Amino acid sequence: MRFQRYGIEGIARGEKAEILPENLTRLQAGYRSSFKRCSNCGFEGGKGSMVKQIVRDVFFLGQKSEPATKEDLQVGRDLQDTLHANRDRCVGMAANMIGVKKNIIVVNMGVIDIVMFNPVLVWGNGLYETEEGCLSLDGIRKTKRYKEIEVEYLDFDWKKQKIKLKDWPAQIAQHELDHLLGKVI
């Protein structure tokens, strides 16, 4: 999701993701063990990962994605690298944005990027109207989002996780989930 208009106000206002305590240790351990730190900027890029070109083809982006499999783990690492390379104008990405029609997203949580394989929105509360931009599209569009959500997904170890998000991180996740459905906003 593009934040050209939003900057990082959400994170600056203290709107952080609520990560269930039982998942936090696993997220941190899995993240640290899977990636190497860049000596120049501190970025932790995946082994064999690469920055991909951003897809801007509305027809391609409008197609529904397919379930991810364990063979798609590299796509998750590529998403992380591509998000990092676009950090100045992007806070989340879906696999179709790098040309892969798989149910994989990455969401920036301020201090960590969380990759979600086959994410499903299982609960939402507090519907409101907002405006969003997208790295794959020009301009800003109106949409409706939930203030609080809960998402189930598979992590890099292919273990089922559940995360509660609110405010800015919830909005980012919903934008990326829309990408997986072929909904272009």
N, C-alpha and C. Protein backbone atom coordinates (compact mmCIF):
# COMPACT_ATOMS: atom_id res chain seq x y z
N MET A 1 0.83 -1.17 0.00
CA MET A 1 0.00 0.00 0.00
C MET A 1 0.88 1.24 0.00
N ARG A 2 0.53 2.19 -0.77
CA ARG A 2 1.31 3.41 -0.90
C ARG A 2 0.93 4.38 0.21
N PHE A 3 1.91 5.06 0.80
CA PHE A 3 1.58 6.02 1.84
C PHE A 3 2.08 7.41 1.53
N GLN A 4 2.17 7.73 0.25
CA GLN A 4 2.62 9.04 -0.18
C GLN A 4 1.82 10.13 0.53
N ARG A 5 0.52 9.98 0.60
CA ARG A 5 -0.33 10.99 1.21
C ARG A 5 -0.34 10.88 2.73
N TYR A 6 -0.13 9.67 3.23
CA TYR A 6 -0.24 9.43 4.66
C TYR A 6 1.08 9.59 5.40
N GLY A 7 2.21 9.51 4.71
CA GLY A 7 3.49 9.52 5.40
C GLY A 7 3.54 8.34 6.35
N ILE A 8 4.10 8.52 7.51
CA ILE A 8 4.09 7.45 8.50
C ILE A 8 3.36 7.90 9.75
N GLU A 9 2.33 8.74 9.55
CA GLU A 9 1.60 9.26 10.69
C GLU A 9 1.05 8.14 11.57
N GLY A 10 0.55 7.08 10.95
CA GLY A 10 -0.04 5.99 11.73
C GLY A 10 0.94 5.44 12.74
N ILE A 11 2.14 5.18 12.31
CA ILE A 11 3.15 4.65 13.21
C ILE A 11 3.59 5.74 14.18
N ALA A 12 3.72 6.98 13.71
CA ALA A 12 4.13 8.08 14.57
C ALA A 12 3.09 8.34 15.67
N ARG A 13 1.81 8.10 15.36
CA ARG A 13 0.76 8.29 16.38
C ARG A 13 0.73 7.13 17.36
N GLY A 14 1.59 6.15 17.16
CA GLY A 14 1.63 5.02 18.08
C GLY A 14 0.66 3.92 17.71
N GLU A 15 0.11 3.94 16.49
CA GLU A 15 -0.81 2.90 16.07
C GLU A 15 0.02 1.70 15.64
N LYS A 16 0.09 0.71 16.50
CA LYS A 16 0.91 -0.46 16.25
C LYS A 16 0.05 -1.69 16.12
N ALA A 17 0.62 -2.70 15.53
CA ALA A 17 -0.08 -3.98 15.42
C ALA A 17 -0.14 -4.63 16.78
N GLU A 18 -1.25 -5.27 17.05
CA GLU A 18 -1.35 -6.05 18.27
C GLU A 18 -1.05 -7.49 17.88
N ILE A 19 0.12 -7.97 18.26
CA ILE A 19 0.52 -9.33 17.94
C ILE A 19 0.28 -10.18 19.17
N LEU A 20 -0.43 -11.28 19.00
CA LEU A 20 -0.72 -12.15 20.13
C LEU A 20 0.59 -12.60 20.75
N PRO A 21 0.72 -12.54 22.09
CA PRO A 21 1.99 -12.87 22.77
C PRO A 21 2.55 -14.23 22.39
N GLU A 22 1.68 -15.21 22.22
CA GLU A 22 2.19 -16.54 21.90
C GLU A 22 2.81 -16.61 20.50
N ASN A 23 2.54 -15.63 19.65
CA ASN A 23 3.10 -15.62 18.30
C ASN A 23 4.33 -14.74 18.17
N LEU A 24 4.51 -13.79 19.09
CA LEU A 24 5.59 -12.83 18.97
C LEU A 24 6.97 -13.48 18.95
N THR A 25 7.24 -14.40 19.86
CA THR A 25 8.54 -15.05 19.91
C THR A 25 8.82 -15.81 18.63
N ARG A 26 7.83 -16.53 18.13
CA ARG A 26 8.00 -17.29 16.89
C ARG A 26 8.28 -16.35 15.72
N LEU A 27 7.54 -15.23 15.64
CA LEU A 27 7.76 -14.28 14.56
C LEU A 27 9.18 -13.75 14.59
N GLN A 28 9.63 -13.33 15.77
CA GLN A 28 10.96 -12.77 15.90
C GLN A 28 12.04 -13.80 15.61
N ALA A 29 11.90 -15.00 16.15
CA ALA A 29 12.90 -16.04 15.95
C ALA A 29 12.96 -16.47 14.48
N GLY A 30 11.81 -16.66 13.86
CA GLY A 30 11.77 -17.07 12.46
C GLY A 30 12.35 -16.01 11.56
N TYR A 31 12.06 -14.75 11.87
CA TYR A 31 12.55 -13.65 11.07
C TYR A 31 14.07 -13.58 11.16
N ARG A 32 14.60 -13.66 12.37
CA ARG A 32 16.05 -13.55 12.56
C ARG A 32 16.81 -14.71 11.95
N SER A 33 16.26 -15.92 12.05
CA SER A 33 17.00 -17.08 11.56
C SER A 33 16.97 -17.21 10.05
N SER A 34 16.01 -16.57 9.39
CA SER A 34 15.85 -16.73 7.95
C SER A 34 16.59 -15.70 7.12
N PHE A 35 17.12 -14.63 7.74
CA PHE A 35 17.63 -13.53 6.96
C PHE A 35 19.00 -13.06 7.43
N LYS A 36 19.75 -12.50 6.49
CA LYS A 36 21.06 -11.96 6.78
C LYS A 36 20.98 -10.44 6.82
N ARG A 37 21.73 -9.81 7.71
CA ARG A 37 21.71 -8.36 7.87
C ARG A 37 22.71 -7.70 6.92
N CYS A 38 22.25 -6.64 6.26
CA CYS A 38 23.10 -5.85 5.38
C CYS A 38 24.01 -4.96 6.24
N SER A 39 25.31 -4.97 5.97
CA SER A 39 26.23 -4.17 6.77
C SER A 39 26.09 -2.68 6.48
N ASN A 40 25.54 -2.31 5.32
CA ASN A 40 25.39 -0.89 4.98
C ASN A 40 24.18 -0.23 5.63
N CYS A 41 22.99 -0.87 5.51
CA CYS A 41 21.79 -0.21 5.99
C CYS A 41 21.07 -0.98 7.09
N GLY A 42 21.52 -2.18 7.41
CA GLY A 42 20.86 -2.95 8.45
C GLY A 42 19.71 -3.80 7.95
N PHE A 43 19.37 -3.71 6.66
CA PHE A 43 18.28 -4.49 6.10
C PHE A 43 18.61 -5.97 6.16
N GLU A 44 17.62 -6.75 6.52
CA GLU A 44 17.80 -8.20 6.60
C GLU A 44 17.15 -8.84 5.39
N GLY A 45 17.92 -9.09 4.36
CA GLY A 45 17.39 -9.68 3.13
C GLY A 45 17.54 -11.18 3.13
N GLY A 46 16.63 -11.83 2.47
CA GLY A 46 16.64 -13.29 2.43
C GLY A 46 17.72 -13.84 1.53
N LYS A 47 18.14 -15.04 1.83
CA LYS A 47 19.13 -15.73 1.02
C LYS A 47 18.53 -16.02 -0.35
N GLY A 48 19.16 -15.52 -1.40
CA GLY A 48 18.68 -15.75 -2.74
C GLY A 48 17.51 -14.86 -3.14
N SER A 49 17.12 -13.94 -2.27
CA SER A 49 16.00 -13.06 -2.59
C SER A 49 16.44 -12.00 -3.57
N MET A 50 15.45 -11.36 -4.18
CA MET A 50 15.77 -10.27 -5.07
C MET A 50 14.62 -9.29 -5.17
N VAL A 51 14.97 -8.07 -5.50
CA VAL A 51 13.98 -7.02 -5.69
C VAL A 51 13.34 -7.23 -7.06
N LYS A 52 12.03 -7.24 -7.08
CA LYS A 52 11.28 -7.47 -8.32
C LYS A 52 10.68 -6.16 -8.82
N GLN A 53 10.41 -6.11 -10.11
CA GLN A 53 9.77 -4.95 -10.71
C GLN A 53 8.29 -4.92 -10.31
N ILE A 54 7.74 -3.72 -10.09
CA ILE A 54 6.35 -3.55 -9.70
C ILE A 54 5.45 -3.65 -10.94
N VAL A 55 4.43 -4.52 -10.85
CA VAL A 55 3.46 -4.70 -11.94
C VAL A 55 2.45 -3.56 -11.88
N ARG A 56 2.19 -2.95 -13.04
CA ARG A 56 1.22 -1.86 -13.12
C ARG A 56 0.08 -2.20 -14.08
N ASP A 57 0.01 -3.42 -14.54
CA ASP A 57 -1.01 -3.88 -15.47
C ASP A 57 -2.32 -4.15 -14.71
N VAL A 58 -3.32 -3.28 -14.90
CA VAL A 58 -4.58 -3.38 -14.17
C VAL A 58 -5.31 -4.69 -14.48
N PHE A 59 -5.20 -5.19 -15.71
CA PHE A 59 -5.84 -6.46 -16.05
C PHE A 59 -5.25 -7.60 -15.21
N PHE A 60 -3.92 -7.65 -15.11
CA PHE A 60 -3.27 -8.68 -14.31
C PHE A 60 -3.62 -8.53 -12.84
N LEU A 61 -3.55 -7.30 -12.32
CA LEU A 61 -3.85 -7.05 -10.91
C LEU A 61 -5.31 -7.36 -10.57
N GLY A 62 -6.19 -7.30 -11.56
CA GLY A 62 -7.61 -7.56 -11.34
C GLY A 62 -7.97 -9.04 -11.30
N GLN A 63 -7.00 -9.91 -11.45
CA GLN A 63 -7.27 -11.34 -11.41
C GLN A 63 -7.07 -11.89 -10.00
N LYS A 64 -7.92 -12.83 -9.63
CA LYS A 64 -7.84 -13.44 -8.30
C LYS A 64 -6.59 -14.33 -8.20
N SER A 65 -5.96 -14.27 -7.05
CA SER A 65 -4.75 -15.08 -6.81
C SER A 65 -5.12 -16.50 -6.39
N GLU A 66 -4.15 -17.39 -6.51
CA GLU A 66 -4.33 -18.80 -6.15
C GLU A 66 -3.66 -19.09 -4.81
N PRO A 67 -4.08 -20.16 -4.13
CA PRO A 67 -3.44 -20.51 -2.85
C PRO A 67 -1.93 -20.72 -3.01
N ALA A 68 -1.19 -20.27 -2.02
CA ALA A 68 0.26 -20.46 -2.00
C ALA A 68 0.57 -21.86 -1.47
N THR A 69 1.73 -22.39 -1.86
CA THR A 69 2.20 -23.67 -1.36
C THR A 69 3.59 -23.46 -0.76
N LYS A 70 4.13 -24.50 -0.15
CA LYS A 70 5.47 -24.38 0.44
C LYS A 70 6.52 -24.03 -0.62
N GLU A 71 6.25 -24.37 -1.86
CA GLU A 71 7.18 -24.05 -2.94
C GLU A 71 7.23 -22.55 -3.22
N ASP A 72 6.32 -21.77 -2.63
CA ASP A 72 6.26 -20.33 -2.85
C ASP A 72 6.97 -19.52 -1.76
N LEU A 73 7.72 -20.17 -0.89
CA LEU A 73 8.41 -19.45 0.19
C LEU A 73 9.34 -18.37 -0.37
N GLN A 74 9.98 -18.64 -1.50
CA GLN A 74 10.88 -17.67 -2.11
C GLN A 74 10.14 -16.40 -2.50
N VAL A 75 8.89 -16.54 -2.92
CA VAL A 75 8.09 -15.37 -3.29
C VAL A 75 7.93 -14.46 -2.07
N GLY A 76 7.74 -15.05 -0.90
CA GLY A 76 7.64 -14.26 0.33
C GLY A 76 8.91 -13.48 0.60
N ARG A 77 10.06 -14.12 0.38
CA ARG A 77 11.34 -13.43 0.59
C ARG A 77 11.53 -12.31 -0.45
N ASP A 78 11.12 -12.58 -1.69
CA ASP A 78 11.21 -11.56 -2.73
C ASP A 78 10.30 -10.36 -2.40
N LEU A 79 9.13 -10.64 -1.84
CA LEU A 79 8.22 -9.56 -1.43
C LEU A 79 8.88 -8.68 -0.36
N GLN A 80 9.54 -9.32 0.60
CA GLN A 80 10.23 -8.56 1.65
C GLN A 80 11.30 -7.65 1.04
N ASP A 81 12.10 -8.20 0.15
CA ASP A 81 13.16 -7.40 -0.47
C ASP A 81 12.59 -6.26 -1.30
N THR A 82 11.52 -6.54 -2.04
CA THR A 82 10.92 -5.51 -2.89
C THR A 82 10.27 -4.43 -2.04
N LEU A 83 9.64 -4.82 -0.94
CA LEU A 83 9.07 -3.83 -0.03
C LEU A 83 10.18 -2.95 0.54
N HIS A 84 11.27 -3.57 0.95
CA HIS A 84 12.39 -2.79 1.50
C HIS A 84 12.91 -1.79 0.47
N ALA A 85 13.03 -2.22 -0.77
CA ALA A 85 13.55 -1.34 -1.83
C ALA A 85 12.60 -0.17 -2.11
N ASN A 86 11.33 -0.32 -1.76
CA ASN A 86 10.33 0.72 -2.00
C ASN A 86 9.82 1.34 -0.70
N ARG A 87 10.58 1.19 0.36
CA ARG A 87 10.18 1.62 1.71
C ARG A 87 9.77 3.09 1.78
N ASP A 88 10.36 3.92 0.95
CA ASP A 88 10.05 5.36 0.97
C ASP A 88 8.65 5.67 0.46
N ARG A 89 8.00 4.71 -0.19
CA ARG A 89 6.67 4.98 -0.75
C ARG A 89 5.71 3.82 -0.63
N CYS A 90 6.05 2.82 0.20
CA CYS A 90 5.22 1.63 0.28
C CYS A 90 5.33 0.98 1.66
N VAL A 91 4.19 0.49 2.20
CA VAL A 91 4.18 -0.13 3.53
C VAL A 91 3.62 -1.56 3.51
N GLY A 92 3.26 -2.04 2.34
CA GLY A 92 2.76 -3.41 2.22
C GLY A 92 2.71 -3.80 0.76
N MET A 93 2.73 -5.10 0.50
CA MET A 93 2.68 -5.59 -0.88
C MET A 93 1.99 -6.93 -0.93
N ALA A 94 1.42 -7.22 -2.09
CA ALA A 94 0.85 -8.53 -2.38
C ALA A 94 1.65 -9.13 -3.53
N ALA A 95 1.66 -10.45 -3.60
CA ALA A 95 2.49 -11.14 -4.60
C ALA A 95 2.14 -10.73 -6.03
N ASN A 96 0.88 -10.41 -6.31
CA ASN A 96 0.56 -10.03 -7.69
C ASN A 96 1.22 -8.71 -8.09
N MET A 97 1.64 -7.93 -7.11
CA MET A 97 2.34 -6.68 -7.42
C MET A 97 3.74 -6.93 -7.97
N ILE A 98 4.26 -8.16 -7.78
CA ILE A 98 5.56 -8.51 -8.37
C ILE A 98 5.39 -9.61 -9.41
N GLY A 99 4.16 -9.75 -9.92
CA GLY A 99 3.91 -10.65 -11.04
C GLY A 99 3.61 -12.08 -10.69
N VAL A 100 3.29 -12.37 -9.44
CA VAL A 100 3.00 -13.74 -9.01
C VAL A 100 1.59 -13.80 -8.46
N LYS A 101 0.72 -14.59 -9.09
CA LYS A 101 -0.68 -14.69 -8.66
C LYS A 101 -0.84 -15.75 -7.57
N LYS A 102 -0.27 -15.47 -6.41
CA LYS A 102 -0.36 -16.37 -5.25
C LYS A 102 -0.84 -15.57 -4.05
N ASN A 103 -1.50 -16.25 -3.12
CA ASN A 103 -2.03 -15.61 -1.91
C ASN A 103 -0.91 -15.38 -0.89
N ILE A 104 -0.13 -14.35 -1.13
CA ILE A 104 0.99 -14.00 -0.24
C ILE A 104 1.02 -12.48 -0.13
N ILE A 105 1.13 -11.99 1.11
CA ILE A 105 1.27 -10.56 1.34
C ILE A 105 2.39 -10.30 2.34
N VAL A 106 2.88 -9.08 2.35
CA VAL A 106 3.81 -8.62 3.39
C VAL A 106 3.28 -7.30 3.90
N VAL A 107 3.27 -7.16 5.23
CA VAL A 107 2.75 -5.96 5.87
C VAL A 107 3.81 -5.42 6.82
N ASN A 108 4.10 -4.12 6.68
CA ASN A 108 5.06 -3.49 7.58
C ASN A 108 4.38 -3.16 8.89
N MET A 109 4.96 -3.63 10.00
CA MET A 109 4.41 -3.40 11.33
C MET A 109 5.23 -2.36 12.10
N GLY A 110 6.02 -1.59 11.40
CA GLY A 110 6.84 -0.57 12.04
C GLY A 110 8.26 -1.06 12.27
N VAL A 111 8.42 -2.11 13.05
CA VAL A 111 9.76 -2.64 13.35
C VAL A 111 10.05 -3.94 12.62
N ILE A 112 9.03 -4.54 12.05
CA ILE A 112 9.19 -5.82 11.37
C ILE A 112 8.18 -5.92 10.23
N ASP A 113 8.59 -6.58 9.16
CA ASP A 113 7.68 -6.87 8.06
C ASP A 113 7.21 -8.31 8.26
N ILE A 114 5.90 -8.51 8.24
CA ILE A 114 5.37 -9.86 8.42
C ILE A 114 4.83 -10.38 7.10
N VAL A 115 5.37 -11.51 6.66
CA VAL A 115 4.90 -12.17 5.45
C VAL A 115 3.81 -13.15 5.86
N MET A 116 2.70 -13.11 5.12
CA MET A 116 1.57 -13.98 5.40
C MET A 116 1.24 -14.79 4.15
N PHE A 117 1.26 -16.10 4.30
CA PHE A 117 0.88 -17.01 3.22
C PHE A 117 -0.56 -17.42 3.43
N ASN A 118 -1.37 -17.35 2.38
CA ASN A 118 -2.79 -17.71 2.41
C ASN A 118 -3.54 -17.01 3.55
N PRO A 119 -3.38 -15.68 3.67
CA PRO A 119 -4.06 -14.96 4.76
C PRO A 119 -5.56 -14.89 4.53
N VAL A 120 -6.30 -14.94 5.64
CA VAL A 120 -7.76 -14.86 5.60
C VAL A 120 -8.21 -13.88 6.68
N LEU A 121 -9.02 -12.92 6.29
CA LEU A 121 -9.63 -12.00 7.24
C LEU A 121 -10.76 -12.76 7.92
N VAL A 122 -10.64 -12.99 9.23
CA VAL A 122 -11.66 -13.78 9.95
C VAL A 122 -12.59 -12.92 10.79
N TRP A 123 -12.22 -11.65 11.01
CA TRP A 123 -13.05 -10.78 11.85
C TRP A 123 -12.68 -9.34 11.57
N GLY A 124 -13.68 -8.47 11.58
CA GLY A 124 -13.46 -7.04 11.43
C GLY A 124 -14.48 -6.26 12.23
N ASN A 125 -14.07 -5.08 12.72
CA ASN A 125 -14.94 -4.25 13.54
C ASN A 125 -14.63 -2.78 13.29
N GLY A 126 -15.68 -1.95 13.28
CA GLY A 126 -15.49 -0.50 13.17
C GLY A 126 -15.27 -0.01 11.76
N LEU A 127 -16.21 -0.29 10.86
CA LEU A 127 -16.09 0.11 9.46
C LEU A 127 -16.03 1.63 9.32
N TYR A 128 -15.11 2.12 8.50
CA TYR A 128 -14.98 3.56 8.25
C TYR A 128 -14.55 3.77 6.80
N GLU A 129 -14.72 4.99 6.30
CA GLU A 129 -14.32 5.32 4.94
C GLU A 129 -12.97 6.04 4.98
N THR A 130 -12.12 5.73 4.01
CA THR A 130 -10.80 6.34 3.94
C THR A 130 -10.37 6.47 2.48
N GLU A 131 -9.20 7.00 2.25
CA GLU A 131 -8.61 7.09 0.92
C GLU A 131 -7.28 6.37 0.93
N GLU A 132 -6.99 5.69 -0.17
CA GLU A 132 -5.72 4.95 -0.28
C GLU A 132 -5.11 5.13 -1.66
N GLY A 133 -3.81 4.96 -1.70
CA GLY A 133 -3.08 4.90 -2.94
C GLY A 133 -2.41 3.54 -3.03
N CYS A 134 -1.85 3.24 -4.19
CA CYS A 134 -1.21 1.94 -4.40
C CYS A 134 0.04 2.14 -5.25
N LEU A 135 1.09 1.45 -4.91
CA LEU A 135 2.34 1.53 -5.67
C LEU A 135 2.12 1.10 -7.13
N SER A 136 1.17 0.20 -7.36
CA SER A 136 0.89 -0.29 -8.71
C SER A 136 0.00 0.62 -9.53
N LEU A 137 -0.61 1.61 -8.89
CA LEU A 137 -1.57 2.48 -9.57
C LEU A 137 -1.27 3.94 -9.29
N ASP A 138 -1.73 4.80 -10.18
CA ASP A 138 -1.61 6.24 -9.96
C ASP A 138 -2.85 6.73 -9.22
N GLY A 139 -2.70 7.75 -8.40
CA GLY A 139 -3.84 8.40 -7.77
C GLY A 139 -4.26 7.80 -6.44
N ILE A 140 -5.32 8.38 -5.91
CA ILE A 140 -5.88 8.01 -4.61
C ILE A 140 -7.34 7.64 -4.85
N ARG A 141 -7.82 6.60 -4.14
CA ARG A 141 -9.20 6.16 -4.28
C ARG A 141 -9.85 5.98 -2.91
N LYS A 142 -11.17 6.18 -2.85
CA LYS A 142 -11.91 5.99 -1.61
C LYS A 142 -12.23 4.51 -1.44
N THR A 143 -12.25 4.08 -0.19
CA THR A 143 -12.61 2.70 0.13
C THR A 143 -13.11 2.65 1.58
N LYS A 144 -13.62 1.49 1.96
CA LYS A 144 -14.05 1.29 3.34
C LYS A 144 -13.17 0.22 3.97
N ARG A 145 -12.81 0.45 5.24
CA ARG A 145 -11.93 -0.45 5.98
C ARG A 145 -12.45 -0.64 7.39
N TYR A 146 -12.04 -1.76 8.00
CA TYR A 146 -12.32 -1.99 9.40
C TYR A 146 -11.20 -1.40 10.24
N LYS A 147 -11.54 -0.82 11.37
CA LYS A 147 -10.55 -0.25 12.29
C LYS A 147 -9.74 -1.35 12.96
N GLU A 148 -10.39 -2.48 13.28
CA GLU A 148 -9.73 -3.62 13.92
C GLU A 148 -10.05 -4.88 13.11
N ILE A 149 -9.04 -5.72 12.95
CA ILE A 149 -9.25 -6.98 12.23
C ILE A 149 -8.46 -8.11 12.90
N GLU A 150 -8.82 -9.32 12.51
CA GLU A 150 -8.05 -10.50 12.90
C GLU A 150 -7.81 -11.30 11.62
N VAL A 151 -6.57 -11.71 11.43
CA VAL A 151 -6.17 -12.44 10.22
C VAL A 151 -5.51 -13.75 10.62
N GLU A 152 -5.90 -14.82 9.95
CA GLU A 152 -5.22 -16.11 10.09
C GLU A 152 -4.38 -16.31 8.84
N TYR A 153 -3.20 -16.88 9.03
CA TYR A 153 -2.28 -17.07 7.91
C TYR A 153 -1.27 -18.16 8.26
N LEU A 154 -0.47 -18.54 7.26
CA LEU A 154 0.64 -19.47 7.47
C LEU A 154 1.93 -18.66 7.44
N ASP A 155 2.87 -19.01 8.33
CA ASP A 155 4.16 -18.31 8.38
C ASP A 155 5.18 -19.06 7.51
N PHE A 156 6.44 -18.62 7.58
CA PHE A 156 7.49 -19.25 6.78
C PHE A 156 7.72 -20.72 7.15
N ASP A 157 7.38 -21.10 8.38
CA ASP A 157 7.49 -22.51 8.79
C ASP A 157 6.24 -23.29 8.45
N TRP A 158 5.32 -22.64 7.76
CA TRP A 158 4.05 -23.22 7.32
C TRP A 158 3.18 -23.62 8.54
N LYS A 159 3.32 -22.82 9.59
CA LYS A 159 2.51 -23.00 10.79
C LYS A 159 1.43 -21.94 10.81
N LYS A 160 0.23 -22.35 11.22
CA LYS A 160 -0.90 -21.43 11.27
C LYS A 160 -0.70 -20.40 12.38
N GLN A 161 -0.92 -19.14 12.03
CA GLN A 161 -0.79 -18.03 12.97
C GLN A 161 -2.08 -17.22 12.94
N LYS A 162 -2.28 -16.44 14.00
CA LYS A 162 -3.41 -15.53 14.09
C LYS A 162 -2.87 -14.21 14.62
N ILE A 163 -3.28 -13.12 13.99
CA ILE A 163 -2.80 -11.80 14.40
C ILE A 163 -3.97 -10.83 14.45
N LYS A 164 -3.98 -10.00 15.49
CA LYS A 164 -4.97 -8.93 15.62
C LYS A 164 -4.27 -7.63 15.26
N LEU A 165 -4.89 -6.88 14.36
CA LEU A 165 -4.34 -5.60 13.93
C LEU A 165 -5.37 -4.51 14.13
N LYS A 166 -4.89 -3.30 14.38
CA LYS A 166 -5.82 -2.18 14.46
C LYS A 166 -5.20 -0.93 13.84
N ASP A 167 -6.07 -0.03 13.44
CA ASP A 167 -5.68 1.25 12.87
C ASP A 167 -4.86 1.08 11.59
N TRP A 168 -3.72 1.76 11.51
CA TRP A 168 -2.90 1.80 10.29
C TRP A 168 -2.47 0.40 9.81
N PRO A 169 -1.90 -0.47 10.66
CA PRO A 169 -1.53 -1.81 10.19
C PRO A 169 -2.74 -2.62 9.68
N ALA A 170 -3.89 -2.43 10.31
CA ALA A 170 -5.11 -3.12 9.85
C ALA A 170 -5.50 -2.63 8.46
N GLN A 171 -5.37 -1.34 8.22
CA GLN A 171 -5.69 -0.79 6.91
C GLN A 171 -4.74 -1.33 5.85
N ILE A 172 -3.46 -1.39 6.17
CA ILE A 172 -2.47 -1.92 5.22
C ILE A 172 -2.82 -3.37 4.86
N ALA A 173 -3.06 -4.19 5.87
CA ALA A 173 -3.37 -5.61 5.63
C ALA A 173 -4.62 -5.76 4.76
N GLN A 174 -5.65 -4.97 5.02
CA GLN A 174 -6.88 -5.08 4.23
C GLN A 174 -6.64 -4.69 2.78
N HIS A 175 -5.82 -3.68 2.55
CA HIS A 175 -5.48 -3.27 1.18
C HIS A 175 -4.81 -4.43 0.45
N GLU A 176 -3.85 -5.07 1.11
CA GLU A 176 -3.13 -6.17 0.47
C GLU A 176 -4.04 -7.39 0.28
N LEU A 177 -4.92 -7.66 1.23
CA LEU A 177 -5.88 -8.75 1.08
C LEU A 177 -6.79 -8.51 -0.12
N ASP A 178 -7.16 -7.26 -0.37
CA ASP A 178 -7.96 -6.93 -1.55
C ASP A 178 -7.22 -7.29 -2.83
N HIS A 179 -5.91 -7.05 -2.85
CA HIS A 179 -5.11 -7.40 -4.02
C HIS A 179 -5.27 -8.89 -4.35
N LEU A 180 -5.27 -9.74 -3.32
CA LEU A 180 -5.37 -11.18 -3.56
C LEU A 180 -6.69 -11.57 -4.19
N LEU A 181 -7.72 -10.77 -3.96
CA LEU A 181 -9.06 -11.03 -4.53
C LEU A 181 -9.22 -10.39 -5.91
N GLY A 182 -8.18 -9.69 -6.36
CA GLY A 182 -8.26 -9.01 -7.66
C GLY A 182 -8.97 -7.67 -7.55
N LYS A 183 -9.16 -7.19 -6.34
CA LYS A 183 -9.81 -5.89 -6.13
C LYS A 183 -8.73 -4.82 -6.17
N VAL A 184 -8.84 -3.92 -7.13
CA VAL A 184 -7.82 -2.90 -7.36
C VAL A 184 -8.28 -1.58 -6.75
N ILE A 185 -7.55 -1.12 -5.72
CA ILE A 185 -7.88 0.15 -5.07
C ILE A 185 -6.65 1.04 -5.07
